[in-house]
Amino acid sequence: MLQQQHEALIRKSVQEELLAASMELSTALILGLILLVILWRKLSRPKGFPPGPPALPVVGNLLQMDFSNPLKKIREFSEVYGPVYSIYLGFTPAVVIRGLKGLKEVLVNKGVDFADRPQNRLSQAISGTRGLIIAPYGQAWKEHRRFTLSTLRNFGLGKRSMEERICEESTHMIQEFMKNSDAPIDPHFVTDNAVSNIICSIVFGKRYDYDDSSFREILNLLHENMKMASSFWAQLYNAFGFVRYLPLPHQRIFRNVDVIFGFLRRVLEEHKRSRVPGEPGDYIDCYLEELDKEQEDSNKSTFSDENLFTCVGDLFLAGTETTSASLEWCFLYMMMYPDIQDKCREEINKIRGDREHLDYEDRVRMPYTQAVLQEVQRFASVVPLGVAHSSVKDVQLNGYTIPKGTFILTDLTSVHYDESQWKYPHEFNPENFLTKEGELEKVDSFLPFSAGPRSCLGENLARMEIFLFFTNVLTHFKLCWPDPKSPPDSTPVFGISHTPKRYQMRLVALT
């Protein structure tokens, strides 16, 4: 009898446990279904939103993208869904714009409507909402862009004084290259340092020697971050905040930032200690003068030490990375196409005469050389996706509704290789920019500096640097590929900017 009661108790206990387990499983299934519905709704495109590939729960389309070079996948999606379509970066919807019509609409015709910048975890961690590049569209950004352009003009942008800075630095560059004349050399270090010295002279009031290992390390970290910021790990962090604390490759971005920011803080502290009020010698001094005025005028509020720091960092980054990459592409293509190099040199020598170097104004009489430099920028597409935009309000685009705050990707390569826009879209050929009569031709599909309200504020400086550095190098050297048995590899290394793989070149001195 006792045994029967015991067995009954055991059966009852088992039944209760099974019932409890069943209830827990049912609850888990219900919660799981609710979560899936929430995720599905979160990844479902709203009514009127551009179409796009189906997105996986949580990760969206991240796993479909090849972040070592996503341009191929971006093009393939466009072939299916059209020139305006959407993808999901984790939970974040992004609209991709391809083709001249859509890009002109976003960048120019409705440029103000799309003039904002998307704020993600990485940009927030590094710059917050300050500065010139990724700051939101608004009063603070407008004031700082206006102030920066005015300051650059005051320090000679577009004037003879800026040209003299570049020509002086070009002399240092030629002297450094002469040390390795007729021997293979990696041009990256010298080119990078020379270009960076121009923006450093404007912003910091100083230049750095080519053998300064500390400055070289800062530039290396800067370039590494430009690659990593567009990597899968960076996008994973943007999608999921907890990734910040995991020991994954994106941690290197933050370690690099700490070192770069330490360098910039030292520069700023030195300026604050040594500057003479009323006698500004560079951008930092001018900004500090503006801060002094602000203390007297309480109505001004956008200028601050924090904004100064971010602006200095933005100018240092933007004034180094893309112009340096453009020049390295110039040198590589000249070795790949020696006949084009010879034609450039012939035009350079014809216009230069017996002068030591060309002046920037000489470019108007040099259509072929200008066409070559523009073809480098087109074919290399140095900033392939531009800098991401965001809509400042709900906007109609191509028949779709783009909600306020939507992440916008502008694929500039789509117009640079558009078969309907170019004579030779898929080959390096200066004829793309020349008329039948050999005159320079303006092409609407040429957007190396983007366009509209958010176009590159350093465009004029970059054009001047590229022309003067390039023509000076070709005046003094013939650029040769050092190993005829191993042809050059022009496959770009993808990042926020397209850079060539590191290469060697042989410089044959001509003078």
Protein backbone atom coordinates (compact mmCIF):
# COMPACT_ATOMS: atom_id res chain seq x y z
CA MET A 1 0.00 0.00 0.00
CA LEU A 2 2.78 2.42 0.91
CA GLN A 3 4.65 1.48 -2.24
CA GLN A 4 1.55 2.22 -4.36
CA GLN A 5 1.19 5.61 -2.69
CA HIS A 6 4.88 6.33 -3.31
CA GLU A 7 4.58 5.39 -6.96
CA ALA A 8 1.50 7.57 -7.29
CA LEU A 9 3.39 10.49 -5.79
CA ILE A 10 6.26 9.91 -8.20
CA ARG A 11 3.85 9.78 -11.18
CA LYS A 12 2.18 12.97 -10.00
CA SER A 13 5.55 14.68 -9.59
CA VAL A 14 6.64 13.61 -13.06
CA GLN A 15 3.36 14.82 -14.54
CA GLU A 16 3.75 18.18 -12.80
CA GLU A 17 7.33 18.50 -14.08
CA LEU A 18 6.23 17.60 -17.61
CA LEU A 19 3.39 20.11 -17.38
CA ALA A 20 5.80 22.78 -16.11
CA ALA A 21 8.30 21.97 -18.86
CA SER A 22 5.51 22.08 -21.43
CA MET A 23 4.39 25.48 -20.15
CA GLU A 24 7.98 26.77 -20.22
CA LEU A 25 8.42 25.48 -23.76
CA SER A 26 5.13 27.04 -24.83
CA THR A 27 6.13 30.33 -23.21
CA ALA A 28 9.55 30.19 -24.92
CA LEU A 29 7.91 29.46 -28.28
CA ILE A 30 5.45 32.32 -27.83
CA LEU A 31 8.23 34.69 -26.81
CA GLY A 32 10.32 33.45 -29.73
CA LEU A 33 7.44 34.04 -32.14
CA ILE A 34 6.90 37.51 -30.67
CA LEU A 35 10.64 38.24 -31.08
CA LEU A 36 10.59 36.99 -34.67
CA VAL A 37 7.56 39.18 -35.41
CA ILE A 38 9.37 42.18 -33.86
CA LEU A 39 12.51 41.40 -35.87
CA TRP A 40 10.46 40.85 -39.04
CA ARG A 41 8.67 44.14 -38.55
CA LYS A 42 11.99 45.87 -37.81
CA LEU A 43 13.52 44.47 -41.02
CA SER A 44 10.37 44.90 -43.13
CA ARG A 45 10.58 47.77 -45.56
CA PRO A 46 7.97 50.45 -44.79
CA LYS A 47 5.37 51.35 -47.38
CA GLY A 48 6.87 53.34 -50.24
CA PHE A 49 10.46 52.46 -49.27
CA PRO A 50 12.85 51.38 -52.05
CA PRO A 51 12.93 47.61 -52.70
CA GLY A 52 15.96 45.47 -52.02
CA PRO A 53 17.26 41.99 -51.23
CA PRO A 54 15.58 40.01 -48.42
CA ALA A 55 17.27 40.66 -45.07
CA LEU A 56 18.14 38.04 -42.46
CA PRO A 57 16.94 38.56 -38.87
CA VAL A 58 19.37 40.57 -36.73
CA VAL A 59 22.24 40.80 -39.27
CA GLY A 60 20.22 42.14 -42.20
CA ASN A 61 22.30 41.92 -45.41
CA LEU A 62 25.68 42.12 -43.68
CA LEU A 63 26.57 38.48 -44.48
CA GLN A 64 25.83 39.00 -48.18
CA MET A 65 28.38 41.80 -48.51
CA ASP A 66 32.06 41.29 -49.23
CA PHE A 67 33.54 44.08 -47.12
CA SER A 68 36.99 43.63 -48.67
CA ASN A 69 35.30 45.26 -51.68
CA PRO A 70 31.49 45.59 -51.56
CA LEU A 71 31.23 47.44 -54.88
CA LYS A 72 30.58 44.26 -56.90
CA LYS A 73 27.65 43.24 -54.67
CA ILE A 74 26.29 46.80 -54.68
CA ARG A 75 26.29 46.70 -58.49
CA GLU A 76 24.69 43.23 -58.59
CA PHE A 77 21.85 44.31 -56.29
CA SER A 78 21.27 47.33 -58.53
CA GLU A 79 20.88 45.09 -61.57
CA VAL A 80 17.99 43.36 -59.80
CA TYR A 81 16.34 46.19 -57.83
CA GLY A 82 17.19 49.30 -59.84
CA PRO A 83 19.36 52.42 -59.37
CA VAL A 84 17.66 53.30 -56.07
CA TYR A 85 17.31 50.36 -53.69
CA SER A 86 17.72 49.47 -50.02
CA ILE A 87 19.78 47.08 -47.90
CA TYR A 88 19.93 46.46 -44.16
CA LEU A 89 23.16 46.92 -42.20
CA GLY A 90 22.06 44.95 -39.15
CA PHE A 91 18.86 46.70 -38.09
CA THR A 92 19.75 49.90 -39.98
CA PRO A 93 18.08 50.42 -43.36
CA ALA A 94 20.31 52.07 -45.97
CA VAL A 95 19.34 53.40 -49.40
CA VAL A 96 21.89 52.97 -52.18
CA ILE A 97 21.96 55.55 -54.99
CA ARG A 98 23.57 54.66 -58.33
CA GLY A 99 23.67 56.43 -61.69
CA LEU A 100 23.96 60.07 -62.71
CA LYS A 101 20.24 60.89 -62.46
CA GLY A 102 19.85 59.65 -58.89
CA LEU A 103 23.18 61.05 -57.68
CA LYS A 104 22.47 64.53 -59.10
CA GLU A 105 19.07 64.46 -57.43
CA VAL A 106 20.51 63.49 -54.02
CA LEU A 107 23.69 65.57 -54.10
CA VAL A 108 22.59 68.69 -56.02
CA ASN A 109 18.89 69.11 -56.83
CA LYS A 110 17.81 67.99 -53.34
CA GLY A 111 21.23 68.47 -51.80
CA VAL A 112 19.96 70.25 -48.69
CA ASP A 113 17.29 67.58 -48.10
CA PHE A 114 20.04 64.95 -48.07
CA ALA A 115 22.78 67.06 -46.44
CA ASP A 116 22.73 65.35 -43.05
CA ARG A 117 25.16 62.67 -41.89
CA PRO A 118 24.05 59.35 -40.37
CA GLN A 119 25.15 58.93 -36.78
CA ASN A 120 26.41 55.45 -35.95
CA ARG A 121 28.20 53.99 -32.95
CA LEU A 122 31.68 54.29 -34.48
CA SER A 123 31.32 57.94 -35.51
CA GLN A 124 29.74 58.78 -32.15
CA ALA A 125 32.62 57.14 -30.27
CA ILE A 126 35.26 59.02 -32.27
CA SER A 127 33.80 62.43 -33.16
CA GLY A 128 30.40 62.68 -31.58
CA THR A 129 28.37 65.28 -33.48
CA ARG A 130 31.22 67.77 -33.94
CA GLY A 131 33.58 68.75 -36.72
CA LEU A 132 33.44 69.19 -40.49
CA ILE A 133 33.05 65.72 -42.02
CA ILE A 134 30.43 63.72 -40.11
CA ALA A 135 28.79 66.49 -38.08
CA PRO A 136 25.01 66.75 -38.58
CA TYR A 137 23.70 69.35 -41.00
CA GLY A 138 22.83 72.40 -38.93
CA GLN A 139 23.98 75.74 -37.60
CA ALA A 140 27.17 74.45 -35.96
CA TRP A 141 28.31 72.65 -39.10
CA LYS A 142 27.46 75.62 -41.33
CA GLU A 143 29.40 78.05 -39.13
CA HIS A 144 32.43 75.77 -38.97
CA ARG A 145 32.48 75.07 -42.71
CA ARG A 146 32.15 78.81 -43.44
CA PHE A 147 34.89 79.64 -40.92
CA THR A 148 37.19 76.93 -42.30
CA LEU A 149 36.79 78.00 -45.92
CA SER A 150 37.42 81.63 -44.94
CA THR A 151 40.51 80.67 -42.97
CA LEU A 152 41.89 78.54 -45.80
CA ARG A 153 41.44 81.47 -48.18
CA ASN A 154 43.20 83.78 -45.74
CA PHE A 155 46.16 81.39 -45.66
CA GLY A 156 46.42 81.40 -49.41
CA LEU A 157 44.05 78.80 -50.83
CA GLY A 158 43.72 79.75 -54.48
CA LYS A 159 46.46 82.36 -54.06
CA ARG A 160 50.15 82.50 -54.82
CA SER A 161 51.15 81.93 -51.19
CA MET A 162 49.55 78.47 -51.13
CA GLU A 163 51.20 77.59 -54.42
CA GLU A 164 54.54 78.61 -52.98
CA ARG A 165 54.01 76.28 -49.98
CA ILE A 166 53.35 73.36 -52.31
CA CYS A 167 56.30 74.14 -54.58
CA GLU A 168 58.60 74.42 -51.56
CA GLU A 169 57.41 71.05 -50.27
CA SER A 170 57.77 69.65 -53.77
CA THR A 171 61.46 70.58 -53.65
CA HIS A 172 61.87 68.54 -50.46
CA MET A 173 60.03 65.66 -52.15
CA ILE A 174 62.32 65.73 -55.21
CA GLN A 175 65.42 65.83 -53.01
CA GLU A 176 64.19 62.81 -51.07
CA PHE A 177 63.46 60.89 -54.27
CA MET A 178 66.93 61.83 -55.60
CA LYS A 179 68.48 59.86 -52.75
CA ASN A 180 67.12 56.72 -54.42
CA SER A 181 67.52 57.71 -58.05
CA ASP A 182 67.64 54.72 -60.42
CA ALA A 183 66.93 52.27 -57.58
CA PRO A 184 63.55 50.71 -56.71
CA ILE A 185 61.69 52.70 -54.06
CA ASP A 186 58.27 52.50 -52.42
CA PRO A 187 56.91 56.02 -53.10
CA HIS A 188 54.23 55.79 -50.41
CA PHE A 189 56.21 57.20 -47.48
CA VAL A 190 57.62 60.22 -49.32
CA THR A 191 54.37 61.02 -51.15
CA ASP A 192 52.30 60.62 -48.00
CA ASN A 193 54.60 62.83 -45.94
CA ALA A 194 54.80 65.52 -48.60
CA VAL A 195 51.02 65.76 -49.01
CA SER A 196 50.40 65.71 -45.27
CA ASN A 197 52.94 68.49 -44.76
CA ILE A 198 50.76 70.86 -46.78
CA ILE A 199 47.72 70.50 -44.55
CA CYS A 200 49.98 70.43 -41.47
CA SER A 201 51.53 73.76 -42.49
CA ILE A 202 48.06 75.28 -42.77
CA VAL A 203 46.52 73.74 -39.66
CA PHE A 204 49.53 73.25 -37.34
CA GLY A 205 51.92 75.83 -38.78
CA LYS A 206 54.70 73.28 -39.27
CA ARG A 207 56.00 70.50 -41.50
CA TYR A 208 57.59 67.16 -40.55
CA ASP A 209 60.82 65.71 -41.90
CA TYR A 210 60.54 62.55 -43.99
CA ASP A 211 62.68 60.63 -41.50
CA ASP A 212 60.46 61.56 -38.52
CA SER A 213 59.47 58.06 -37.38
CA SER A 214 56.90 59.31 -34.85
CA PHE A 215 55.00 61.26 -37.50
CA ARG A 216 55.29 58.31 -39.88
CA GLU A 217 53.60 56.11 -37.29
CA ILE A 218 50.73 58.60 -36.93
CA LEU A 219 50.17 58.53 -40.70
CA ASN A 220 50.28 54.71 -40.74
CA LEU A 221 47.61 54.51 -38.04
CA LEU A 222 45.49 57.07 -39.87
CA HIS A 223 45.53 55.03 -43.09
CA GLU A 224 44.87 51.80 -41.21
CA ASN A 225 41.74 53.29 -39.65
CA MET A 226 40.49 54.49 -43.03
CA LYS A 227 40.53 50.85 -44.15
CA MET A 228 39.11 49.37 -40.95
CA ALA A 229 36.26 51.89 -40.65
CA SER A 230 34.53 50.24 -43.62
CA SER A 231 35.33 46.66 -42.58
CA PHE A 232 32.87 43.95 -41.52
CA TRP A 233 33.97 44.30 -37.88
CA ALA A 234 33.27 48.02 -37.84
CA GLN A 235 29.82 47.41 -39.35
CA LEU A 236 29.18 44.68 -36.78
CA TYR A 237 29.99 47.14 -33.99
CA ASN A 238 27.69 49.74 -35.56
CA ALA A 239 24.89 47.16 -35.63
CA PHE A 240 25.40 45.73 -32.13
CA GLY A 241 26.74 47.96 -29.37
CA PHE A 242 27.84 45.10 -27.08
CA VAL A 243 30.51 44.21 -29.67
CA ARG A 244 32.46 47.23 -28.35
CA TYR A 245 33.61 45.13 -25.38
CA LEU A 246 34.55 41.96 -27.28
CA PRO A 247 38.21 41.26 -28.19
CA LEU A 248 37.60 41.53 -31.94
CA PRO A 249 39.64 43.27 -34.69
CA HIS A 250 37.63 46.51 -34.44
CA GLN A 251 39.37 47.21 -31.11
CA ARG A 252 42.42 48.25 -33.12
CA ILE A 253 40.46 51.24 -34.44
CA PHE A 254 40.07 52.59 -30.91
CA ARG A 255 43.70 51.91 -30.00
CA ASN A 256 44.80 53.80 -33.13
CA VAL A 257 42.44 56.67 -32.33
CA ASP A 258 43.96 57.00 -28.86
CA VAL A 259 47.44 57.43 -30.35
CA ILE A 260 46.32 59.86 -33.08
CA PHE A 261 44.28 61.91 -30.61
CA GLY A 262 47.26 62.02 -28.25
CA PHE A 263 49.35 63.51 -31.07
CA LEU A 264 46.67 66.12 -31.85
CA ARG A 265 46.28 67.07 -28.18
CA ARG A 266 50.00 67.71 -27.91
CA VAL A 267 49.85 69.97 -30.98
CA LEU A 268 46.92 71.92 -29.51
CA GLU A 269 48.52 72.28 -26.09
CA GLU A 270 51.70 73.62 -27.67
CA HIS A 271 49.67 76.23 -29.60
CA LYS A 272 47.85 77.38 -26.50
CA ARG A 273 51.16 77.82 -24.67
CA SER A 274 53.06 79.61 -27.43
CA ARG A 275 50.54 81.62 -29.45
CA VAL A 276 50.60 85.41 -29.51
CA PRO A 277 47.01 86.77 -29.38
CA GLY A 278 46.22 88.91 -32.39
CA GLU A 279 48.92 87.29 -34.55
CA PRO A 280 47.45 84.03 -35.90
CA GLY A 281 49.87 81.91 -37.87
CA ASP A 282 47.70 78.93 -38.76
CA TYR A 283 44.19 77.45 -38.55
CA ILE A 284 44.47 76.55 -34.85
CA ASP A 285 45.52 80.10 -33.95
CA CYS A 286 42.59 81.51 -35.94
CA TYR A 287 40.16 79.22 -34.14
CA LEU A 288 41.59 80.20 -30.75
CA GLU A 289 41.09 83.85 -31.78
CA GLU A 290 37.47 82.99 -32.53
CA LEU A 291 37.14 81.44 -29.06
CA ASP A 292 38.47 84.67 -27.53
CA LYS A 293 35.78 86.64 -29.40
CA GLU A 294 33.13 84.20 -28.21
CA GLN A 295 33.93 84.93 -24.58
CA GLU A 296 32.98 88.53 -25.31
CA ASP A 297 29.81 87.57 -27.21
CA SER A 298 27.58 85.17 -25.31
CA ASN A 299 25.28 84.74 -28.35
CA LYS A 300 27.87 82.54 -30.07
CA SER A 301 27.87 78.98 -28.86
CA THR A 302 29.07 76.60 -31.57
CA PHE A 303 32.81 77.30 -31.24
CA SER A 304 34.44 75.28 -28.47
CA ASP A 305 37.62 73.44 -27.53
CA GLU A 306 35.90 70.15 -28.37
CA ASN A 307 34.87 71.37 -31.82
CA LEU A 308 38.35 72.74 -32.46
CA PHE A 309 39.87 69.36 -31.65
CA THR A 310 37.51 67.53 -34.02
CA CYS A 311 37.96 70.07 -36.84
CA VAL A 312 41.74 69.78 -36.59
CA GLY A 313 41.45 65.99 -36.76
CA ASP A 314 39.08 66.16 -39.74
CA LEU A 315 41.36 68.51 -41.69
CA PHE A 316 44.44 66.40 -40.90
CA LEU A 317 42.66 63.23 -42.08
CA ALA A 318 40.96 64.67 -45.15
CA GLY A 319 44.02 66.66 -46.20
CA THR A 320 46.26 63.60 -46.18
CA GLU A 321 44.48 60.39 -47.17
CA THR A 322 42.78 61.01 -50.49
CA THR A 323 45.33 63.38 -52.08
CA SER A 324 48.18 61.06 -51.17
CA ALA A 325 46.29 58.10 -52.66
CA SER A 326 45.57 60.11 -55.84
CA LEU A 327 49.25 60.87 -56.37
CA GLU A 328 50.23 57.24 -55.80
CA TRP A 329 47.68 56.24 -58.45
CA CYS A 330 49.20 58.89 -60.76
CA PHE A 331 52.67 57.39 -60.43
CA LEU A 332 51.41 53.83 -60.87
CA TYR A 333 49.45 54.61 -64.04
CA MET A 334 52.39 56.52 -65.51
CA MET A 335 54.52 53.39 -65.15
CA MET A 336 51.75 51.24 -66.63
CA TYR A 337 51.29 53.61 -69.59
CA PRO A 338 54.74 55.05 -70.46
CA ASP A 339 53.46 56.57 -73.72
CA ILE A 340 50.97 58.68 -71.72
CA GLN A 341 53.77 59.65 -69.34
CA ASP A 342 55.91 60.79 -72.29
CA LYS A 343 53.06 62.92 -73.70
CA CYS A 344 52.56 64.57 -70.32
CA ARG A 345 56.25 65.35 -70.01
CA GLU A 346 56.33 66.76 -73.53
CA GLU A 347 53.48 69.15 -72.68
CA ILE A 348 55.06 70.01 -69.30
CA ASN A 349 58.41 70.91 -70.89
CA LYS A 350 56.75 72.88 -73.68
CA ILE A 351 54.83 75.11 -71.26
CA ARG A 352 57.56 75.25 -68.59
CA GLY A 353 60.30 76.47 -70.88
CA ASP A 354 63.43 77.32 -68.90
CA ARG A 355 61.58 77.86 -65.61
CA GLU A 356 62.35 75.60 -62.66
CA HIS A 357 58.74 74.49 -62.27
CA LEU A 358 55.25 75.18 -63.58
CA ASP A 359 52.79 77.59 -62.02
CA TYR A 360 49.30 76.42 -61.20
CA GLU A 361 47.79 78.86 -63.70
CA ASP A 362 49.75 77.06 -66.46
CA ARG A 363 47.22 74.22 -66.27
CA VAL A 364 44.76 76.13 -68.49
CA ARG A 365 47.24 75.70 -71.39
CA MET A 366 47.80 72.01 -70.63
CA PRO A 367 44.66 70.10 -71.66
CA TYR A 368 46.39 66.74 -72.03
CA THR A 369 48.02 66.74 -68.59
CA GLN A 370 44.77 67.90 -66.99
CA ALA A 371 42.90 65.13 -68.82
CA VAL A 372 45.40 62.57 -67.51
CA LEU A 373 45.01 63.75 -63.91
CA GLN A 374 41.22 63.70 -64.18
CA GLU A 375 41.34 60.25 -65.76
CA VAL A 376 43.39 59.04 -62.78
CA GLN A 377 40.69 60.29 -60.43
CA ARG A 378 37.91 58.77 -62.54
CA PHE A 379 39.49 55.38 -63.13
CA ALA A 380 40.81 54.98 -59.58
CA SER A 381 37.61 56.42 -58.01
CA VAL A 382 39.60 57.32 -54.91
CA VAL A 383 36.51 57.82 -52.69
CA PRO A 384 34.22 55.18 -54.26
CA LEU A 385 31.17 55.61 -52.02
CA GLY A 386 31.77 59.20 -50.99
CA VAL A 387 30.85 59.96 -47.38
CA ALA A 388 27.45 58.64 -46.29
CA HIS A 389 24.53 61.10 -46.33
CA SER A 390 21.27 61.17 -44.42
CA SER A 391 17.89 62.79 -45.10
CA VAL A 392 17.02 65.80 -42.95
CA LYS A 393 13.28 65.19 -43.48
CA ASP A 394 10.93 62.81 -45.30
CA VAL A 395 11.84 63.11 -49.00
CA GLN A 396 10.40 61.77 -52.25
CA LEU A 397 13.04 60.22 -54.50
CA ASN A 398 12.50 58.28 -57.70
CA GLY A 399 8.90 57.59 -56.69
CA TYR A 400 9.91 56.27 -53.25
CA THR A 401 9.49 57.79 -49.80
CA ILE A 402 12.78 58.23 -47.94
CA PRO A 403 12.04 58.79 -44.21
CA LYS A 404 13.93 61.39 -42.20
CA GLY A 405 17.26 60.09 -40.89
CA THR A 406 17.69 57.36 -43.52
CA PHE A 407 21.26 56.23 -44.19
CA ILE A 408 22.19 57.13 -47.82
CA LEU A 409 25.07 55.51 -49.74
CA THR A 410 26.18 57.32 -52.92
CA ASP A 411 27.98 54.97 -55.30
CA LEU A 412 30.22 57.38 -57.22
CA THR A 413 31.84 54.52 -59.14
CA SER A 414 28.49 53.94 -60.86
CA VAL A 415 28.95 57.16 -62.86
CA HIS A 416 32.71 56.89 -63.26
CA TYR A 417 32.34 53.59 -65.17
CA ASP A 418 28.94 54.25 -66.77
CA GLU A 419 29.05 52.96 -70.35
CA SER A 420 26.49 55.56 -71.46
CA GLN A 421 28.64 58.45 -70.19
CA TRP A 422 32.21 57.68 -71.26
CA LYS A 423 34.04 56.94 -74.51
CA TYR A 424 36.24 54.35 -72.81
CA PRO A 425 34.52 53.53 -69.48
CA HIS A 426 36.54 50.44 -68.58
CA GLU A 427 40.03 51.47 -69.64
CA PHE A 428 42.50 54.13 -68.55
CA ASN A 429 42.36 56.65 -71.37
CA PRO A 430 42.76 60.47 -71.16
CA GLU A 431 40.60 60.76 -74.30
CA ASN A 432 37.63 60.46 -71.95
CA PHE A 433 38.23 64.11 -71.09
CA LEU A 434 39.35 65.45 -74.47
CA THR A 435 37.41 66.68 -77.49
CA LYS A 436 38.36 65.62 -81.01
CA GLU A 437 40.35 68.85 -81.21
CA GLY A 438 42.35 67.92 -78.10
CA GLU A 439 40.69 70.48 -75.81
CA LEU A 440 39.71 69.67 -72.23
CA GLU A 441 36.06 68.63 -72.00
CA LYS A 442 33.81 69.04 -68.97
CA VAL A 443 31.97 65.80 -68.16
CA ASP A 444 28.97 65.85 -65.80
CA SER A 445 29.63 62.26 -64.71
CA PHE A 446 32.97 63.20 -63.16
CA LEU A 447 32.38 63.43 -59.38
CA PRO A 448 35.69 62.73 -57.59
CA PHE A 449 34.92 65.27 -54.85
CA SER A 450 31.18 64.51 -54.70
CA ALA A 451 28.90 67.56 -55.20
CA GLY A 452 26.41 69.83 -53.51
CA PRO A 453 26.38 71.26 -49.96
CA ARG A 454 28.51 68.41 -48.59
CA SER A 455 31.12 68.37 -51.35
CA CYS A 456 34.77 68.18 -50.28
CA LEU A 457 35.79 71.59 -48.87
CA GLY A 458 39.43 70.88 -49.76
CA GLU A 459 38.74 70.28 -53.47
CA ASN A 460 40.67 73.33 -54.72
CA LEU A 461 43.65 72.57 -52.49
CA ALA A 462 43.71 68.93 -53.60
CA ARG A 463 43.60 69.89 -57.29
CA MET A 464 46.48 72.33 -56.81
CA GLU A 465 48.58 69.78 -54.91
CA ILE A 466 48.03 66.98 -57.42
CA PHE A 467 48.91 69.19 -60.39
CA LEU A 468 52.04 70.77 -58.88
CA PHE A 469 53.45 67.61 -57.26
CA PHE A 470 52.77 65.51 -60.36
CA THR A 471 54.26 67.92 -62.90
CA ASN A 472 57.31 68.56 -60.71
CA VAL A 473 58.04 64.84 -60.37
CA LEU A 474 57.69 64.29 -64.13
CA THR A 475 59.98 67.27 -64.75
CA HIS A 476 62.77 65.62 -62.78
CA PHE A 477 62.21 61.89 -63.30
CA LYS A 478 61.16 59.20 -65.71
CA LEU A 479 58.99 56.73 -63.79
CA CYS A 480 59.74 53.08 -64.61
CA TRP A 481 58.36 49.76 -63.44
CA PRO A 482 61.36 48.00 -61.82
CA ASP A 483 60.47 44.39 -62.75
CA PRO A 484 59.37 43.78 -66.36
CA LYS A 485 58.70 40.10 -65.56
CA SER A 486 56.09 41.00 -62.94
CA PRO A 487 53.46 43.42 -64.34
CA PRO A 488 51.90 46.09 -62.09
CA ASP A 489 48.80 45.17 -60.11
CA SER A 490 46.26 47.99 -60.20
CA THR A 491 43.65 46.19 -58.07
CA PRO A 492 42.61 48.75 -55.44
CA VAL A 493 42.62 48.19 -51.70
CA PHE A 494 39.10 49.08 -50.60
CA GLY A 495 38.34 51.37 -47.69
CA ILE A 496 36.71 54.74 -47.24
CA SER A 497 39.27 55.60 -49.91
CA HIS A 498 40.54 53.40 -52.75
CA THR A 499 44.33 53.10 -52.51
CA PRO A 500 46.73 51.17 -54.72
CA LYS A 501 48.52 48.17 -53.32
CA ARG A 502 52.00 49.11 -52.15
CA TYR A 503 54.43 49.00 -55.04
CA GLN A 504 58.02 49.82 -56.02
CA MET A 505 59.03 52.24 -58.75
CA ARG A 506 62.33 53.18 -60.33
CA LEU A 507 63.08 56.88 -60.76
CA VAL A 508 65.46 57.77 -63.59
CA ALA A 509 66.74 61.31 -63.02
CA LEU A 510 66.35 63.64 -66.02
CA THR A 511 68.09 66.77 -64.67
